[in-house]
């Protein structure tokens, strides 16, 4: 059986680091990091994510400013709110929960957030800095995945890494981070030929497609490390169940280490968001 990578335990360590940074900032600058969270609409999954983020922020000692907007909120209204938060010195990080309603220009909103307050790491300036290997606010999920990988491997250099999924949120920034770790990186996607064979070559396999159970045990190289980013709600015997993009039961018989769903990448994403918030505050105050 594979080693199960406990995302909850690792996240608690990251949250302790964030809380220590909060205390340092309070001591040296008499300032508490402030995180503004903006939710547009009433998407159930987004509401759960936001609620968890706010809860963890308060536990770490971070000030939380919540803005709940109706689904029909205009582009102009949201633009004005982002400008207000950009101008507020008490707000060090801004999180706009995605996805946004269709009538809102998502790219425009992301680009309107000041790069130094972009704790999601999605602003083009932060994306560019990451691609060049410079210090930046790194997207939270890939950052969490890297912490999990470092927990298993002291050195990632030279390992073959395959990322299944090419999204701007996970796949592409994950590739940039792994290149910085001197991995040989392949991004596989829906047009990849013989994707199973590509995955079988991976020492590190990261699944981020939103396709329940896509990665089967025969896709996994023996003793590979598998990070499952997918969170998919399915119905089993009339009950709602969360599963990943990986067939956990099968893959755990082959892999050397594997992250579960739930309890894997999810808690790490929230923890890294709060760590980014403390880093953003420190950069703005020093």
Protein backbone atom coordinates (compact mmCIF):
# COMPACT_ATOMS: atom_id res chain seq x y z
CA UNK A 1 0.00 0.00 0.00
CA UNK A 2 1.13 3.51 -0.83
CA UNK A 3 1.99 6.10 1.79
CA UNK A 4 -1.06 8.34 2.15
CA UNK A 5 -0.04 12.02 2.15
CA UNK A 6 -2.07 13.67 4.91
CA UNK A 7 -3.03 17.08 3.59
CA UNK A 8 -4.79 18.06 6.81
CA UNK A 9 -1.67 17.49 8.90
CA UNK A 10 0.60 19.33 6.48
CA UNK A 11 -1.92 22.18 6.22
CA UNK A 12 -1.92 22.56 10.00
CA UNK A 13 1.86 23.07 9.86
CA UNK A 14 1.50 25.70 7.14
CA UNK A 15 -1.21 27.45 9.16
CA UNK A 16 1.13 27.50 12.15
CA UNK A 17 3.73 29.22 9.95
CA UNK A 18 1.11 31.75 8.83
CA UNK A 19 0.05 32.40 12.43
CA UNK A 20 3.70 32.94 13.41
CA UNK A 21 4.04 35.49 10.59
CA UNK A 22 0.92 37.27 11.86
CA UNK A 23 2.46 37.56 15.34
CA UNK A 24 5.72 38.86 13.85
CA UNK A 25 3.87 41.56 11.90
CA UNK A 26 1.85 42.55 14.96
CA UNK A 27 5.03 42.84 17.04
CA UNK A 28 7.12 44.77 14.50
CA UNK A 29 4.49 46.86 12.71
CA UNK A 30 1.45 46.79 15.02
CA UNK A 31 -0.48 45.61 11.99
CA UNK A 32 -2.65 42.56 11.32
CA UNK A 33 -2.75 41.10 7.81
CA UNK A 34 -6.11 41.75 6.18
CA UNK A 35 -7.78 39.46 3.63
CA UNK A 36 -10.76 40.68 1.60
CA UNK A 37 -12.94 37.90 0.20
CA UNK A 38 -15.42 38.69 -2.57
CA UNK A 39 -18.18 36.24 -3.51
CA UNK A 40 -20.56 37.05 -6.36
CA UNK A 41 -23.69 34.92 -6.55
CA UNK A 42 -24.91 31.95 -4.53
CA UNK A 43 -23.01 28.99 -5.96
CA UNK A 44 -23.15 26.33 -3.23
CA UNK A 45 -19.61 25.01 -3.71
CA UNK A 46 -18.17 28.55 -3.73
CA UNK A 47 -20.02 29.38 -0.52
CA UNK A 48 -18.48 26.34 1.20
CA UNK A 49 -14.98 27.26 -0.03
CA UNK A 50 -15.34 30.86 1.13
CA UNK A 51 -16.71 29.83 4.51
CA UNK A 52 -13.74 27.50 5.08
CA UNK A 53 -11.24 30.15 4.01
CA UNK A 54 -12.72 32.74 6.35
CA UNK A 55 -12.77 30.27 9.25
CA UNK A 56 -9.11 29.34 8.78
CA UNK A 57 -8.11 33.00 8.34
CA UNK A 58 -9.61 33.92 11.70
CA UNK A 59 -7.92 30.94 13.35
CA UNK A 60 -4.55 32.20 12.05
CA UNK A 61 -5.24 35.71 13.38
CA UNK A 62 -5.81 37.26 9.94
CA UNK A 63 -8.48 39.97 9.68
CA UNK A 64 -11.20 38.93 7.25
CA UNK A 65 -13.36 41.35 5.26
CA UNK A 66 -16.24 39.63 3.47
CA UNK A 67 -18.17 41.06 0.54
CA UNK A 68 -21.20 39.08 -0.64
CA UNK A 69 -22.71 40.34 -3.88
CA UNK A 70 -25.83 39.32 -5.76
CA UNK A 71 -25.46 37.19 -8.89
CA UNK A 72 -26.71 40.08 -11.08
CA UNK A 73 -24.08 42.50 -9.74
CA UNK A 74 -22.82 44.65 -12.61
CA UNK A 75 -19.28 44.71 -13.95
CA UNK A 76 -19.02 48.37 -12.95
CA UNK A 77 -20.04 47.64 -9.36
CA UNK A 78 -17.47 44.87 -9.02
CA UNK A 79 -14.80 47.02 -10.67
CA UNK A 80 -15.49 49.77 -8.14
CA UNK A 81 -15.26 47.36 -5.20
CA UNK A 82 -11.89 46.02 -6.39
CA UNK A 83 -10.58 49.59 -6.72
CA UNK A 84 -11.80 50.36 -3.20
CA UNK A 85 -9.99 47.29 -1.83
CA UNK A 86 -6.84 48.15 -3.78
CA UNK A 87 -6.84 51.59 -2.13
CA UNK A 88 -7.48 50.27 1.40
CA UNK A 89 -4.17 50.01 3.35
CA UNK A 90 -5.80 47.61 5.82
CA UNK A 91 -6.43 45.09 3.04
CA UNK A 92 -3.22 43.24 2.16
CA UNK A 93 -4.78 40.43 0.13
CA UNK A 94 -7.77 40.28 -2.21
CA UNK A 95 -9.51 37.03 -3.14
CA UNK A 96 -12.30 37.04 -5.71
CA UNK A 97 -13.91 33.60 -5.58
CA UNK A 98 -14.11 31.95 -9.01
CA UNK A 99 -16.03 31.20 -11.12
CA UNK A 100 -17.79 34.51 -11.63
CA UNK A 101 -21.20 34.93 -13.31
CA UNK A 102 -21.01 34.82 -17.12
CA UNK A 103 -21.70 38.54 -17.58
CA UNK A 104 -18.58 39.44 -15.54
CA UNK A 105 -15.25 39.64 -17.38
CA UNK A 106 -13.15 37.32 -15.22
CA UNK A 107 -9.82 38.21 -16.83
CA UNK A 108 -10.52 41.92 -16.35
CA UNK A 109 -11.27 41.43 -12.65
CA UNK A 110 -8.12 39.35 -12.07
CA UNK A 111 -6.00 41.96 -13.86
CA UNK A 112 -7.56 44.83 -11.89
CA UNK A 113 -6.34 43.49 -8.54
CA UNK A 114 -3.01 45.00 -7.53
CA UNK A 115 -0.32 42.33 -8.11
CA UNK A 116 0.98 42.80 -4.56
CA UNK A 117 -2.50 42.03 -3.19
CA UNK A 118 -3.19 39.13 -5.56
CA UNK A 119 -3.02 36.29 -3.02
CA UNK A 120 -4.43 33.82 -5.58
CA UNK A 121 -1.37 34.42 -7.76
CA UNK A 122 -3.45 34.80 -10.92
CA UNK A 123 -2.49 38.35 -11.98
CA UNK A 124 -0.47 38.40 -15.25
CA UNK A 125 2.44 40.07 -13.42
CA UNK A 126 2.60 37.24 -10.88
CA UNK A 127 2.16 34.60 -13.57
CA UNK A 128 5.03 36.14 -15.53
CA UNK A 129 7.25 36.30 -12.45
CA UNK A 130 6.57 32.63 -11.74
CA UNK A 131 7.42 31.63 -15.30
CA UNK A 132 10.77 33.40 -14.96
CA UNK A 133 11.54 31.77 -11.62
CA UNK A 134 11.36 35.02 -9.66
CA UNK A 135 9.78 35.46 -6.23
CA UNK A 136 6.05 36.06 -6.53
CA UNK A 137 2.71 35.21 -5.00
CA UNK A 138 2.34 31.66 -6.27
CA UNK A 139 -1.09 30.10 -7.01
CA UNK A 140 -2.23 28.32 -3.89
CA UNK A 141 -3.08 24.84 -5.16
CA UNK A 142 0.22 24.25 -7.01
CA UNK A 143 2.08 25.68 -4.01
CA UNK A 144 0.29 23.19 -1.77
CA UNK A 145 1.06 20.33 -4.14
CA UNK A 146 4.76 21.21 -4.07
CA UNK A 147 4.80 21.19 -0.25
CA UNK A 148 3.22 17.73 -0.35
CA UNK A 149 5.83 16.51 -2.84
CA UNK A 150 8.67 17.88 -0.71
CA UNK A 151 7.19 16.01 2.24
CA UNK A 152 7.75 12.76 0.34
CA UNK A 153 10.97 13.60 -1.54
CA UNK A 154 13.97 15.46 -0.17
CA UNK A 155 15.08 16.18 -3.74
CA UNK A 156 12.85 16.38 -6.82
CA UNK A 157 15.74 17.05 -9.20
CA UNK A 158 15.76 14.87 -12.31
CA UNK A 159 12.39 13.23 -11.72
CA UNK A 160 9.92 12.81 -14.57
CA UNK A 161 6.77 14.76 -13.69
CA UNK A 162 3.53 14.44 -15.63
CA UNK A 163 0.70 16.89 -15.02
CA UNK A 164 -2.67 15.84 -16.43
CA UNK A 165 -4.52 19.08 -17.09
CA UNK A 166 -3.36 22.41 -18.54
CA UNK A 167 -5.44 24.97 -16.63
CA UNK A 168 -4.14 28.41 -15.70
CA UNK A 169 -5.03 27.69 -12.06
CA UNK A 170 -3.18 24.39 -11.61
CA UNK A 171 -1.55 22.78 -14.65
CA UNK A 172 0.55 25.62 -16.03
CA UNK A 173 1.80 27.09 -12.73
CA UNK A 174 2.47 23.57 -11.43
CA UNK A 175 4.71 22.98 -14.44
CA UNK A 176 6.63 26.18 -13.71
CA UNK A 177 7.18 25.20 -10.07
CA UNK A 178 8.39 21.73 -10.99
CA UNK A 179 10.78 23.14 -13.58
CA UNK A 180 12.27 25.26 -10.79
CA UNK A 181 12.76 22.01 -8.88
CA UNK A 182 14.71 20.64 -11.88
CA UNK A 183 12.09 18.08 -12.84
CA UNK A 184 11.54 17.00 -16.44
CA UNK A 185 7.96 18.15 -16.97
CA UNK A 186 5.23 16.98 -19.34
CA UNK A 187 1.76 18.50 -19.45
CA UNK A 188 -0.79 15.99 -20.74
CA UNK A 189 -4.32 16.94 -21.74
CA UNK A 190 -7.37 15.86 -23.74
CA UNK A 191 -5.47 15.93 -27.03
CA UNK A 192 -2.46 13.95 -25.78
CA UNK A 193 -1.90 10.77 -27.74
CA UNK A 194 -1.81 7.57 -25.67
CA UNK A 195 -2.12 9.51 -22.43
CA UNK A 196 -1.99 6.31 -20.38
CA UNK A 197 1.48 5.53 -21.70
CA UNK A 198 2.63 9.09 -20.94
CA UNK A 199 1.43 8.76 -17.35
CA UNK A 200 3.15 5.39 -16.95
CA UNK A 201 6.51 7.16 -17.35
CA UNK A 202 5.90 9.55 -14.46
CA UNK A 203 7.84 9.45 -11.22
CA UNK A 204 5.48 12.23 -10.13
CA UNK A 205 1.91 12.19 -11.45
CA UNK A 206 -0.41 15.13 -10.80
CA UNK A 207 -4.05 14.82 -11.83
CA UNK A 208 -6.00 18.06 -12.27
CA UNK A 209 -8.74 17.48 -14.84
CA UNK A 210 -12.05 17.41 -12.97
CA UNK A 211 -12.75 13.94 -14.40
CA UNK A 212 -13.81 11.49 -11.67
CA UNK A 213 -11.59 8.40 -11.51
CA UNK A 214 -9.85 9.13 -14.83
CA UNK A 215 -6.45 7.89 -13.64
CA UNK A 216 -6.62 4.11 -13.20
CA UNK A 217 -4.07 1.88 -11.50
CA UNK A 218 -2.54 0.78 -14.80
CA UNK A 219 -1.72 4.43 -15.59
CA UNK A 220 0.54 4.63 -12.54
CA UNK A 221 4.23 3.73 -12.54
CA UNK A 222 5.15 1.46 -9.62
CA UNK A 223 6.32 3.54 -6.62
CA UNK A 224 5.33 6.83 -8.29
CA UNK A 225 4.08 9.74 -6.19
CA UNK A 226 0.50 10.67 -7.13
CA UNK A 227 -1.08 14.01 -6.24
CA UNK A 228 -4.83 14.15 -6.86
CA UNK A 229 -6.10 17.71 -7.31
CA UNK A 230 -9.57 16.72 -8.52
CA UNK A 231 -12.59 17.22 -6.29
CA UNK A 232 -15.71 15.73 -7.88
CA UNK A 233 -19.11 15.24 -6.29
CA UNK A 234 -20.82 12.00 -7.36
CA UNK A 235 -23.82 10.09 -6.08
CA UNK A 236 -23.31 6.63 -4.60
CA UNK A 237 -26.35 4.74 -3.31
CA UNK A 238 -28.25 7.99 -3.05
CA UNK A 239 -25.48 9.66 -1.05
CA UNK A 240 -23.23 12.51 -2.18
CA UNK A 241 -19.57 11.48 -2.19
CA UNK A 242 -16.41 13.42 -3.04
CA UNK A 243 -13.83 11.62 -5.14
CA UNK A 244 -10.74 12.69 -7.04
CA UNK A 245 -9.46 12.31 -10.58
CA UNK A 246 -7.59 9.17 -9.49
CA UNK A 247 -9.01 5.73 -8.69
CA UNK A 248 -7.60 5.86 -5.17
CA UNK A 249 -8.22 2.24 -4.21
CA UNK A 250 -6.51 0.91 -7.32
CA UNK A 251 -3.70 3.45 -7.57
CA UNK A 252 -2.76 3.09 -3.90
CA UNK A 253 -1.86 -0.54 -4.60
CA UNK A 254 0.76 0.60 -7.14
CA UNK A 255 2.00 4.06 -6.12
CA UNK A 256 4.67 4.77 -3.54
CA UNK A 257 2.74 7.74 -2.13
CA UNK A 258 -0.67 9.22 -2.92
CA UNK A 259 -2.85 12.10 -1.73
CA UNK A 260 -6.47 11.32 -0.81
CA UNK A 261 -9.69 13.13 -1.71
CA UNK A 262 -10.96 14.63 0.48
CA UNK A 263 -8.23 15.46 2.99
CA UNK A 264 -5.40 16.01 0.55
CA UNK A 265 -4.87 19.03 -1.69
CA UNK A 266 -8.00 20.88 -0.50
CA UNK A 267 -6.74 21.82 2.99
CA UNK A 268 -3.34 22.69 1.55
CA UNK A 269 -4.88 25.19 -0.89
CA UNK A 270 -6.56 27.13 1.91
CA UNK A 271 -3.43 27.04 4.07
CA UNK A 272 -1.30 28.39 1.22
CA UNK A 273 -3.82 31.18 0.60
CA UNK A 274 -3.33 32.37 4.17
CA UNK A 275 0.44 32.01 3.91
CA UNK A 276 0.29 34.16 0.76
CA UNK A 277 -1.75 36.74 2.69
CA UNK A 278 0.92 37.03 5.39
CA UNK A 279 3.64 37.26 2.73
CA UNK A 280 1.72 39.96 0.90
CA UNK A 281 1.28 41.92 4.13
CA UNK A 282 4.98 41.59 4.96
CA UNK A 283 5.98 42.80 1.48
CA UNK A 284 3.69 45.81 1.76
CA UNK A 285 4.78 46.75 5.27
CA UNK A 286 8.53 46.29 4.94
